Amino acid sequence: MFGDISGMMGKLKNAQQKVEETKKRLNTVLIDESAANGTIKVTVTANREIRAISIDESILEDKEELEDYLILTLNKALKRAGEINEQELAVAAKAGMPNIPGMDMFK
């Protein structure tokens, strides 16, 4: 009915391995983002881990402004990281998936 079950299981294992390799590689993909006025810069990985935050001294006196810019900048960076993460993992998963009729989940 399903053909070579062991072959499909091997392909699924291969897909899982590709996804794990991609996750490791995404730790090395860095996304830099900065506030509109350039006072805050953040670097995150494509796995959504914060690697660096740089804050200009001129903004340290205004706590609310600092918090606002920090939140906005981190959210922009994490959104970009999430998009890259999802795209890369989808490609890795699709590349290793067996061709099962009616299971075209990754178009």
PDB file of N, CA and C in Angstrom:
ATOM      1  N   MET A   1       0.823  -1.206   0.000  1.00  0.00           N
ATOM      2  CA  MET A   1       0.000   0.000   0.000  1.00  0.00           C
ATOM      3  C   MET A   1       0.857   1.255   0.000  1.00  0.00           C
ATOM      4  N   PHE A   2       1.825   1.315   0.895  1.00  0.00           N
ATOM      5  CA  PHE A   2       2.668   2.500   0.992  1.00  0.00           C
ATOM      6  C   PHE A   2       4.032   2.283   0.354  1.00  0.00           C
ATOM      7  N   GLY A   3       4.263   1.146  -0.242  1.00  0.00           N
ATOM      8  CA  GLY A   3       5.559   0.901  -0.862  1.00  0.00           C
ATOM      9  C   GLY A   3       6.586   0.517   0.172  1.00  0.00           C
ATOM     10  N   ASP A   4       7.761   1.043   0.035  1.00  0.00           N
ATOM     11  CA  ASP A   4       8.900   0.698   0.880  1.00  0.00           C
ATOM     12  C   ASP A   4       8.860   1.489   2.185  1.00  0.00           C
ATOM     13  N   ILE A   5       8.282   0.902   3.226  1.00  0.00           N
ATOM     14  CA  ILE A   5       8.159   1.572   4.529  1.00  0.00           C
ATOM     15  C   ILE A   5       9.532   1.901   5.106  1.00  0.00           C
ATOM     16  N   SER A   6      10.475   0.966   5.018  1.00  0.00           N
ATOM     17  CA  SER A   6      11.798   1.230   5.596  1.00  0.00           C
ATOM     18  C   SER A   6      12.498   2.356   4.841  1.00  0.00           C
ATOM     19  N   GLY A   7      12.267   2.448   3.528  1.00  0.00           N
ATOM     20  CA  GLY A   7      12.835   3.553   2.746  1.00  0.00           C
ATOM     21  C   GLY A   7      12.270   4.886   3.188  1.00  0.00           C
ATOM     22  N   MET A   8      10.958   4.913   3.440  1.00  0.00           N
ATOM     23  CA  MET A   8      10.327   6.153   3.908  1.00  0.00           C
ATOM     24  C   MET A   8      10.834   6.530   5.293  1.00  0.00           C
ATOM     25  N   MET A   9      11.011   5.538   6.151  1.00  0.00           N
ATOM     26  CA  MET A   9      11.515   5.815   7.496  1.00  0.00           C
ATOM     27  C   MET A   9      12.931   6.386   7.430  1.00  0.00           C
ATOM     28  N   GLY A  10      13.729   5.870   6.511  1.00  0.00           N
ATOM     29  CA  GLY A  10      15.079   6.387   6.317  1.00  0.00           C
ATOM     30  C   GLY A  10      15.055   7.830   5.856  1.00  0.00           C
ATOM     31  N   LYS A  11      14.136   8.140   4.946  1.00  0.00           N
ATOM     32  CA  LYS A  11      14.012   9.517   4.463  1.00  0.00           C
ATOM     33  C   LYS A  11      13.538  10.448   5.571  1.00  0.00           C
ATOM     34  N   LEU A  12      12.620   9.963   6.408  1.00  0.00           N
ATOM     35  CA  LEU A  12      12.160  10.783   7.533  1.00  0.00           C
ATOM     36  C   LEU A  12      13.306  11.061   8.508  1.00  0.00           C
ATOM     37  N   LYS A  13      14.124  10.049   8.752  1.00  0.00           N
ATOM     38  CA  LYS A  13      15.281  10.231   9.631  1.00  0.00           C
ATOM     39  C   LYS A  13      16.254  11.228   9.015  1.00  0.00           C
ATOM     40  N   ASN A  14      16.429  11.140   7.694  1.00  0.00           N
ATOM     41  CA  ASN A  14      17.288  12.073   6.974  1.00  0.00           C
ATOM     42  C   ASN A  14      16.739  13.500   7.095  1.00  0.00           C
ATOM     43  N   ALA A  15      15.424  13.647   6.980  1.00  0.00           N
ATOM     44  CA  ALA A  15      14.799  14.965   7.111  1.00  0.00           C
ATOM     45  C   ALA A  15      15.038  15.530   8.505  1.00  0.00           C
ATOM     46  N   GLN A  16      14.910  14.686   9.509  1.00  0.00           N
ATOM     47  CA  GLN A  16      15.129  15.125  10.884  1.00  0.00           C
ATOM     48  C   GLN A  16      16.580  15.572  11.073  1.00  0.00           C
ATOM     49  N   GLN A  17      17.501  14.837  10.481  1.00  0.00           N
ATOM     50  CA  GLN A  17      18.918  15.191  10.587  1.00  0.00           C
ATOM     51  C   GLN A  17      19.188  16.529   9.896  1.00  0.00           C
ATOM     52  N   LYS A  18      18.576  16.740   8.722  1.00  0.00           N
ATOM     53  CA  LYS A  18      18.752  18.006   8.010  1.00  0.00           C
ATOM     54  C   LYS A  18      18.217  19.174   8.827  1.00  0.00           C
ATOM     55  N   VAL A  19      17.079  18.972   9.486  1.00  0.00           N
ATOM     56  CA  VAL A  19      16.503  20.027  10.326  1.00  0.00           C
ATOM     57  C   VAL A  19      17.445  20.342  11.488  1.00  0.00           C
ATOM     58  N   GLU A  20      17.991  19.324  12.119  1.00  0.00           N
ATOM     59  CA  GLU A  20      18.921  19.551  13.239  1.00  0.00           C
ATOM     60  C   GLU A  20      20.184  20.276  12.772  1.00  0.00           C
ATOM     61  N   GLU A  21      20.712  19.887  11.609  1.00  0.00           N
ATOM     62  CA  GLU A  21      21.881  20.568  11.064  1.00  0.00           C
ATOM     63  C   GLU A  21      21.567  22.030  10.761  1.00  0.00           C
ATOM     64  N   THR A  22      20.375  22.273  10.241  1.00  0.00           N
ATOM     65  CA  THR A  22      19.964  23.645   9.935  1.00  0.00           C
ATOM     66  C   THR A  22      19.845  24.466  11.208  1.00  0.00           C
ATOM     67  N   LYS A  23      19.293  23.885  12.260  1.00  0.00           N
ATOM     68  CA  LYS A  23      19.184  24.599  13.538  1.00  0.00           C
ATOM     69  C   LYS A  23      20.564  25.006  14.050  1.00  0.00           C
ATOM     70  N   LYS A  24      21.531  24.105  13.945  1.00  0.00           N
ATOM     71  CA  LYS A  24      22.895  24.424  14.379  1.00  0.00           C
ATOM     72  C   LYS A  24      23.483  25.550  13.531  1.00  0.00           C
ATOM     73  N   ARG A  25      23.274  25.469  12.218  1.00  0.00           N
ATOM     74  CA  ARG A  25      23.797  26.497  11.317  1.00  0.00           C
ATOM     75  C   ARG A  25      23.154  27.851  11.595  1.00  0.00           C
ATOM     76  N   LEU A  26      21.874  27.860  11.957  1.00  0.00           N
ATOM     77  CA  LEU A  26      21.179  29.119  12.215  1.00  0.00           C
ATOM     78  C   LEU A  26      21.726  29.842  13.446  1.00  0.00           C
ATOM     79  N   ASN A  27      22.446  29.119  14.306  1.00  0.00           N
ATOM     80  CA  ASN A  27      23.109  29.786  15.433  1.00  0.00           C
ATOM     81  C   ASN A  27      24.233  30.699  14.960  1.00  0.00           C
ATOM     82  N   THR A  28      24.718  30.462  13.743  1.00  0.00           N
ATOM     83  CA  THR A  28      25.811  31.283  13.215  1.00  0.00           C
ATOM     84  C   THR A  28      25.311  32.407  12.308  1.00  0.00           C
ATOM     85  N   VAL A  29      24.016  32.400  11.983  1.00  0.00           N
ATOM     86  CA  VAL A  29      23.439  33.456  11.152  1.00  0.00           C
ATOM     87  C   VAL A  29      23.052  34.616  12.065  1.00  0.00           C
ATOM     88  N   LEU A  30      23.713  35.760  11.878  1.00  0.00           N
ATOM     89  CA  LEU A  30      23.480  36.908  12.747  1.00  0.00           C
ATOM     90  C   LEU A  30      22.652  37.967  12.039  1.00  0.00           C
ATOM     91  N   ILE A  31      21.700  38.522  12.774  1.00  0.00           N
ATOM     92  CA  ILE A  31      20.845  39.586  12.270  1.00  0.00           C
ATOM     93  C   ILE A  31      21.116  40.829  13.098  1.00  0.00           C
ATOM     94  N   ASP A  32      21.500  41.907  12.420  1.00  0.00           N
ATOM     95  CA  ASP A  32      21.741  43.184  13.089  1.00  0.00           C
ATOM     96  C   ASP A  32      20.557  44.099  12.841  1.00  0.00           C
ATOM     97  N   GLU A  33      20.133  44.774  13.884  1.00  0.00           N
ATOM     98  CA  GLU A  33      19.026  45.720  13.775  1.00  0.00           C
ATOM     99  C   GLU A  33      19.362  46.919  14.640  1.00  0.00           C
ATOM    100  N   SER A  34      18.901  48.085  14.225  1.00  0.00           N
ATOM    101  CA  SER A  34      19.147  49.276  15.040  1.00  0.00           C
ATOM    102  C   SER A  34      17.888  50.124  15.109  1.00  0.00           C
ATOM    103  N   ALA A  35      17.831  50.939  16.162  1.00  0.00           N
ATOM    104  CA  ALA A  35      16.708  51.862  16.330  1.00  0.00           C
ATOM    105  C   ALA A  35      16.767  52.894  15.205  1.00  0.00           C
ATOM    106  N   ALA A  36      15.637  53.509  14.913  1.00  0.00           N
ATOM    107  CA  ALA A  36      15.556  54.480  13.820  1.00  0.00           C
ATOM    108  C   ALA A  36      16.575  55.609  13.984  1.00  0.00           C
ATOM    109  N   ASN A  37      16.825  56.002  15.223  1.00  0.00           N
ATOM    110  CA  ASN A  37      17.770  57.103  15.458  1.00  0.00           C
ATOM    111  C   ASN A  37      19.197  56.612  15.686  1.00  0.00           C
ATOM    112  N   GLY A  38      19.402  55.299  15.601  1.00  0.00           N
ATOM    113  CA  GLY A  38      20.740  54.733  15.717  1.00  0.00           C
ATOM    114  C   GLY A  38      21.312  54.644  17.118  1.00  0.00           C
ATOM    115  N   THR A  39      20.514  54.930  18.135  1.00  0.00           N
ATOM    116  CA  THR A  39      21.028  54.922  19.506  1.00  0.00           C
ATOM    117  C   THR A  39      21.126  53.526  20.106  1.00  0.00           C
ATOM    118  N   ILE A  40      20.414  52.581  19.526  1.00  0.00           N
ATOM    119  CA  ILE A  40      20.451  51.205  20.027  1.00  0.00           C
ATOM    120  C   ILE A  40      20.690  50.274  18.855  1.00  0.00           C
ATOM    121  N   LYS A  41      21.609  49.320  19.060  1.00  0.00           N
ATOM    122  CA  LYS A  41      21.877  48.298  18.056  1.00  0.00           C
ATOM    123  C   LYS A  41      21.838  46.945  18.748  1.00  0.00           C
ATOM    124  N   VAL A  42      21.191  45.989  18.100  1.00  0.00           N
ATOM    125  CA  VAL A  42      21.128  44.637  18.658  1.00  0.00           C
ATOM    126  C   VAL A  42      21.544  43.631  17.588  1.00  0.00           C
ATOM    127  N   THR A  43      22.080  42.529  18.046  1.00  0.00           N
ATOM    128  CA  THR A  43      22.424  41.411  17.173  1.00  0.00           C
ATOM    129  C   THR A  43      21.795  40.167  17.780  1.00  0.00           C
ATOM    130  N   VAL A  44      21.055  39.433  16.933  1.00  0.00           N
ATOM    131  CA  VAL A  44      20.433  38.184  17.356  1.00  0.00           C
ATOM    132  C   VAL A  44      20.789  37.102  16.341  1.00  0.00           C
ATOM    133  N   THR A  45      20.686  35.841  16.757  1.00  0.00           N
ATOM    134  CA  THR A  45      20.879  34.742  15.818  1.00  0.00           C
ATOM    135  C   THR A  45      19.553  34.436  15.145  1.00  0.00           C
ATOM    136  N   ALA A  46      19.619  33.666  14.073  1.00  0.00           N
ATOM    137  CA  ALA A  46      18.392  33.247  13.395  1.00  0.00           C
ATOM    138  C   ALA A  46      17.600  32.258  14.244  1.00  0.00           C
ATOM    139  N   ASN A  47      18.199  31.783  15.331  1.00  0.00           N
ATOM    140  CA  ASN A  47      17.477  30.961  16.304  1.00  0.00           C
ATOM    141  C   ASN A  47      16.899  31.810  17.427  1.00  0.00           C
ATOM    142  N   ARG A  48      16.861  33.102  17.220  1.00  0.00           N
ATOM    143  CA  ARG A  48      16.227  34.066  18.130  1.00  0.00           C
ATOM    144  C   ARG A  48      16.921  34.186  19.487  1.00  0.00           C
ATOM    145  N   GLU A  49      18.241  34.110  19.479  1.00  0.00           N
ATOM    146  CA  GLU A  49      19.017  34.326  20.697  1.00  0.00           C
ATOM    147  C   GLU A  49      19.732  35.665  20.581  1.00  0.00           C
ATOM    148  N   ILE A  50      19.651  36.455  21.626  1.00  0.00           N
ATOM    149  CA  ILE A  50      20.308  37.763  21.631  1.00  0.00           C
ATOM    150  C   ILE A  50      21.799  37.554  21.829  1.00  0.00           C
ATOM    151  N   ARG A  51      22.610  38.138  20.944  1.00  0.00           N
ATOM    152  CA  ARG A  51      24.058  38.012  21.034  1.00  0.00           C
ATOM    153  C   ARG A  51      24.719  39.294  21.522  1.00  0.00           C
ATOM    154  N   ALA A  52      24.150  40.453  21.156  1.00  0.00           N
ATOM    155  CA  ALA A  52      24.778  41.713  21.557  1.00  0.00           C
ATOM    156  C   ALA A  52      23.747  42.831  21.585  1.00  0.00           C
ATOM    157  N   ILE A  53      23.963  43.757  22.509  1.00  0.00           N
ATOM    158  CA  ILE A  53      23.160  44.977  22.592  1.00  0.00           C
ATOM    159  C   ILE A  53      24.129  46.129  22.803  1.00  0.00           C
ATOM    160  N   SER A  54      23.995  47.152  21.980  1.00  0.00           N
ATOM    161  CA  SER A  54      24.837  48.342  22.095  1.00  0.00           C
ATOM    162  C   SER A  54      23.922  49.549  22.292  1.00  0.00           C
ATOM    163  N   ILE A  55      24.172  50.309  23.346  1.00  0.00           N
ATOM    164  CA  ILE A  55      23.328  51.469  23.670  1.00  0.00           C
ATOM    165  C   ILE A  55      24.194  52.713  23.718  1.00  0.00           C
ATOM    166  N   ASP A  56      23.819  53.710  22.941  1.00  0.00           N
ATOM    167  CA  ASP A  56      24.527  54.984  22.926  1.00  0.00           C
ATOM    168  C   ASP A  56      24.305  55.700  24.261  1.00  0.00           C
ATOM    169  N   GLU A  57      25.351  56.283  24.787  1.00  0.00           N
ATOM    170  CA  GLU A  57      25.256  56.952  26.090  1.00  0.00           C
ATOM    171  C   GLU A  57      24.237  58.088  26.103  1.00  0.00           C
ATOM    172  N   SER A  58      23.973  58.710  24.973  1.00  0.00           N
ATOM    173  CA  SER A  58      23.050  59.843  24.923  1.00  0.00           C
ATOM    174  C   SER A  58      21.632  59.470  25.326  1.00  0.00           C
ATOM    175  N   ILE A  59      21.293  58.196  25.236  1.00  0.00           N
ATOM    176  CA  ILE A  59      19.930  57.764  25.546  1.00  0.00           C
ATOM    177  C   ILE A  59      19.791  57.256  26.984  1.00  0.00           C
ATOM    178  N   LEU A  60      20.892  57.133  27.701  1.00  0.00           N
ATOM    179  CA  LEU A  60      20.857  56.564  29.045  1.00  0.00           C
ATOM    180  C   LEU A  60      20.101  57.426  30.057  1.00  0.00           C
ATOM    181  N   GLU A  61      19.981  58.705  29.796  1.00  0.00           N
ATOM    182  CA  GLU A  61      19.324  59.601  30.756  1.00  0.00           C
ATOM    183  C   GLU A  61      17.805  59.502  30.729  1.00  0.00           C
ATOM    184  N   ASP A  62      17.240  59.022  29.621  1.00  0.00           N
ATOM    185  CA  ASP A  62      15.787  58.939  29.495  1.00  0.00           C
ATOM    186  C   ASP A  62      15.364  57.466  29.517  1.00  0.00           C
ATOM    187  N   LYS A  63      14.991  57.006  30.714  1.00  0.00           N
ATOM    188  CA  LYS A  63      14.669  55.587  30.916  1.00  0.00           C
ATOM    189  C   LYS A  63      13.537  55.114  30.002  1.00  0.00           C
ATOM    190  N   GLU A  64      12.476  55.895  29.886  1.00  0.00           N
ATOM    191  CA  GLU A  64      11.334  55.478  29.068  1.00  0.00           C
ATOM    192  C   GLU A  64      11.700  55.396  27.592  1.00  0.00           C
ATOM    193  N   GLU A  65      12.464  56.352  27.118  1.00  0.00           N
ATOM    194  CA  GLU A  65      12.887  56.340  25.717  1.00  0.00           C
ATOM    195  C   GLU A  65      13.786  55.124  25.459  1.00  0.00           C
ATOM    196  N   LEU A  66      14.688  54.855  26.384  1.00  0.00           N
ATOM    197  CA  LEU A  66      15.579  53.699  26.272  1.00  0.00           C
ATOM    198  C   LEU A  66      14.771  52.409  26.198  1.00  0.00           C
ATOM    199  N   GLU A  67      13.823  52.256  27.099  1.00  0.00           N
ATOM    200  CA  GLU A  67      12.987  51.049  27.113  1.00  0.00           C
ATOM    201  C   GLU A  67      12.198  50.905  25.814  1.00  0.00           C
ATOM    202  N   ASP A  68      11.604  52.012  25.337  1.00  0.00           N
ATOM    203  CA  ASP A  68      10.809  51.978  24.111  1.00  0.00           C
ATOM    204  C   ASP A  68      11.660  51.564  22.906  1.00  0.00           C
ATOM    205  N   TYR A  69      12.806  52.225  22.752  1.00  0.00           N
ATOM    206  CA  TYR A  69      13.679  51.901  21.622  1.00  0.00           C
ATOM    207  C   TYR A  69      14.221  50.479  21.710  1.00  0.00           C
ATOM    208  N   LEU A  70      14.526  50.044  22.907  1.00  0.00           N
ATOM    209  CA  LEU A  70      15.049  48.697  23.092  1.00  0.00           C
ATOM    210  C   LEU A  70      13.997  47.652  22.708  1.00  0.00           C
ATOM    211  N   ILE A  71      12.781  47.844  23.165  1.00  0.00           N
ATOM    212  CA  ILE A  71      11.693  46.919  22.837  1.00  0.00           C
ATOM    213  C   ILE A  71      11.435  46.893  21.328  1.00  0.00           C
ATOM    214  N   LEU A  72      11.350  48.070  20.712  1.00  0.00           N
ATOM    215  CA  LEU A  72      11.084  48.134  19.271  1.00  0.00           C
ATOM    216  C   LEU A  72      12.203  47.474  18.465  1.00  0.00           C
ATOM    217  N   THR A  73      13.444  47.751  18.842  1.00  0.00           N
ATOM    218  CA  THR A  73      14.580  47.217  18.101  1.00  0.00           C
ATOM    219  C   THR A  73      14.683  45.708  18.271  1.00  0.00           C
ATOM    220  N   LEU A  74      14.514  45.233  19.487  1.00  0.00           N
ATOM    221  CA  LEU A  74      14.555  43.780  19.720  1.00  0.00           C
ATOM    222  C   LEU A  74      13.424  43.072  18.977  1.00  0.00           C
ATOM    223  N   ASN A  75      12.241  43.648  19.003  1.00  0.00           N
ATOM    224  CA  ASN A  75      11.113  43.024  18.306  1.00  0.00           C
ATOM    225  C   ASN A  75      11.356  42.956  16.798  1.00  0.00           C
ATOM    226  N   LYS A  76      11.928  44.011  16.212  1.00  0.00           N
ATOM    227  CA  LYS A  76      12.241  43.987  14.782  1.00  0.00           C
ATOM    228  C   LYS A  76      13.256  42.891  14.473  1.00  0.00           C
ATOM    229  N   ALA A  77      14.300  42.804  15.286  1.00  0.00           N
ATOM    230  CA  ALA A  77      15.343  41.805  15.063  1.00  0.00           C
ATOM    231  C   ALA A  77      14.791  40.391  15.229  1.00  0.00           C
ATOM    232  N   LEU A  78      13.995  40.174  16.268  1.00  0.00           N
ATOM    233  CA  LEU A  78      13.444  38.839  16.519  1.00  0.00           C
ATOM    234  C   LEU A  78      12.436  38.439  15.441  1.00  0.00           C
ATOM    235  N   LYS A  79      11.707  39.403  14.901  1.00  0.00           N
ATOM    236  CA  LYS A  79      10.772  39.106  13.815  1.00  0.00           C
ATOM    237  C   LYS A  79      11.540  38.649  12.581  1.00  0.00           C
ATOM    238  N   ARG A  80      12.593  39.382  12.220  1.00  0.00           N
ATOM    239  CA  ARG A  80      13.419  38.988  11.069  1.00  0.00           C
ATOM    240  C   ARG A  80      14.049  37.616  11.303  1.00  0.00           C
ATOM    241  N   ALA A  81      14.534  37.378  12.518  1.00  0.00           N
ATOM    242  CA  ALA A  81      15.146  36.094  12.853  1.00  0.00           C
ATOM    243  C   ALA A  81      14.123  34.972  12.713  1.00  0.00           C
ATOM    244  N   GLY A  82      12.921  35.202  13.179  1.00  0.00           N
ATOM    245  CA  GLY A  82      11.863  34.202  13.076  1.00  0.00           C
ATOM    246  C   GLY A  82      11.521  33.870  11.639  1.00  0.00           C
ATOM    247  N   GLU A  83      11.473  34.888  10.783  1.00  0.00           N
ATOM    248  CA  GLU A  83      11.169  34.663   9.373  1.00  0.00           C
ATOM    249  C   GLU A  83      12.256  33.826   8.706  1.00  0.00           C
ATOM    250  N   ILE A  84      13.507  34.156   8.980  1.00  0.00           N
ATOM    251  CA  ILE A  84      14.621  33.400   8.413  1.00  0.00           C
ATOM    252  C   ILE A  84      14.590  31.969   8.937  1.00  0.00           C
ATOM    253  N   ASN A  85      14.361  31.817  10.229  1.00  0.00           N
ATOM    254  CA  ASN A  85      14.320  30.513  10.871  1.00  0.00           C
ATOM    255  C   ASN A  85      13.259  29.629  10.223  1.00  0.00           C
ATOM    256  N   GLU A  86      12.055  30.145  10.088  1.00  0.00           N
ATOM    257  CA  GLU A  86      10.954  29.373   9.522  1.00  0.00           C
ATOM    258  C   GLU A  86      11.233  28.963   8.076  1.00  0.00           C
ATOM    259  N   GLN A  87      11.763  29.896   7.283  1.00  0.00           N
ATOM    260  CA  GLN A  87      12.062  29.593   5.882  1.00  0.00           C
ATOM    261  C   GLN A  87      13.115  28.495   5.771  1.00  0.00           C
ATOM    262  N   GLU A  88      14.189  28.639   6.525  1.00  0.00           N
ATOM    263  CA  GLU A  88      15.286  27.682   6.438  1.00  0.00           C
ATOM    264  C   GLU A  88      14.871  26.286   6.925  1.00  0.00           C
ATOM    265  N   LEU A  89      14.107  26.233   8.019  1.00  0.00           N
ATOM    266  CA  LEU A  89      13.674  24.930   8.530  1.00  0.00           C
ATOM    267  C   LEU A  89      12.671  24.265   7.593  1.00  0.00           C
ATOM    268  N   ALA A  90      11.818  25.058   6.959  1.00  0.00           N
ATOM    269  CA  ALA A  90      10.867  24.496   5.999  1.00  0.00           C
ATOM    270  C   ALA A  90      11.598  23.891   4.806  1.00  0.00           C
ATOM    271  N   VAL A  91      12.623  24.581   4.325  1.00  0.00           N
ATOM    272  CA  VAL A  91      13.404  24.064   3.203  1.00  0.00           C
ATOM    273  C   VAL A  91      14.102  22.763   3.604  1.00  0.00           C
ATOM    274  N   ALA A  92      14.689  22.744   4.797  1.00  0.00           N
ATOM    275  CA  ALA A  92      15.386  21.545   5.267  1.00  0.00           C
ATOM    276  C   ALA A  92      14.426  20.379   5.425  1.00  0.00           C
ATOM    277  N   ALA A  93      13.257  20.633   5.977  1.00  0.00           N
ATOM    278  CA  ALA A  93      12.276  19.568   6.185  1.00  0.00           C
ATOM    279  C   ALA A  93      11.757  19.040   4.850  1.00  0.00           C
ATOM    280  N   LYS A  94      11.471  19.946   3.929  1.00  0.00           N
ATOM    281  CA  LYS A  94      10.940  19.534   2.626  1.00  0.00           C
ATOM    282  C   LYS A  94      11.964  18.718   1.851  1.00  0.00           C
ATOM    283  N   ALA A  95      13.231  19.110   1.935  1.00  0.00           N
ATOM    284  CA  ALA A  95      14.280  18.422   1.189  1.00  0.00           C
ATOM    285  C   ALA A  95      14.416  16.965   1.615  1.00  0.00           C
ATOM    286  N   GLY A  96      14.135  16.669   2.860  1.00  0.00           N
ATOM    287  CA  GLY A  96      14.313  15.304   3.337  1.00  0.00           C
ATOM    288  C   GLY A  96      13.057  14.475   3.430  1.00  0.00           C
ATOM    289  N   MET A  97      11.919  15.051   3.117  1.00  0.00           N
ATOM    290  CA  MET A  97      10.659  14.321   3.260  1.00  0.00           C
ATOM    291  C   MET A  97      10.465  13.324   2.125  1.00  0.00           C
ATOM    292  N   PRO A  98       9.944  12.148   2.463  1.00  0.00           N
ATOM    293  CA  PRO A  98       9.628  11.187   1.397  1.00  0.00           C
ATOM    294  C   PRO A  98       8.413  11.674   0.620  1.00  0.00           C
ATOM    295  N   ASN A  99       8.295  11.231  -0.613  1.00  0.00           N
ATOM    296  CA  ASN A  99       7.172  11.618  -1.449  1.00  0.00           C
ATOM    297  C   ASN A  99       5.998  10.689  -1.160  1.00  0.00           C
ATOM    298  N   ILE A 100       5.084  11.145  -0.305  1.00  0.00           N
ATOM    299  CA  ILE A 100       3.905  10.360   0.051  1.00  0.00           C
ATOM    300  C   ILE A 100       2.709  10.996  -0.649  1.00  0.00           C
ATOM    301  N   PRO A 101       2.049  10.261  -1.522  1.00  0.00           N
ATOM    302  CA  PRO A 101       0.898  10.826  -2.247  1.00  0.00           C
ATOM    303  C   PRO A 101      -0.143  11.410  -1.298  1.00  0.00           C
ATOM    304  N   GLY A 102      -0.599  12.617  -1.614  1.00  0.00           N
ATOM    305  CA  GLY A 102      -1.619  13.276  -0.812  1.00  0.00           C
ATOM    306  C   GLY A 102      -1.076  14.002   0.396  1.00  0.00           C
ATOM    307  N   MET A 103       0.226  14.007   0.579  1.00  0.00           N
ATOM    308  CA  MET A 103       0.824  14.650   1.748  1.00  0.00           C
ATOM    309  C   MET A 103       1.710  15.821   1.333  1.00  0.00           C
ATOM    310  N   ASP A 104       1.203  16.697   0.460  1.00  0.00           N
ATOM    311  CA  ASP A 104       1.977  17.839  -0.031  1.00  0.00           C
ATOM    312  C   ASP A 104       1.851  18.998   0.950  1.00  0.00           C
ATOM    313  N   MET A 105       2.423  18.845   2.139  1.00  0.00           N
ATOM    314  CA  MET A 105       2.289  19.860   3.190  1.00  0.00           C
ATOM    315  C   MET A 105       3.173  21.061   2.939  1.00  0.00           C
ATOM    316  N   PHE A 106       4.268  20.887   2.230  1.00  0.00           N
ATOM    317  CA  PHE A 106       5.262  21.958   2.084  1.00  0.00           C
ATOM    318  C   PHE A 106       5.296  22.483   0.662  1.00  0.00           C
ATOM    319  N   LYS A 107       4.252  23.116   0.236  1.00  0.00           N
ATOM    320  CA  LYS A 107       4.235  23.691  -1.121  1.00  0.00           C
ATOM    321  C   LYS A 107       4.803  25.061  -1.123  1.00  0.00           C
TER     322      LYS A 107
END
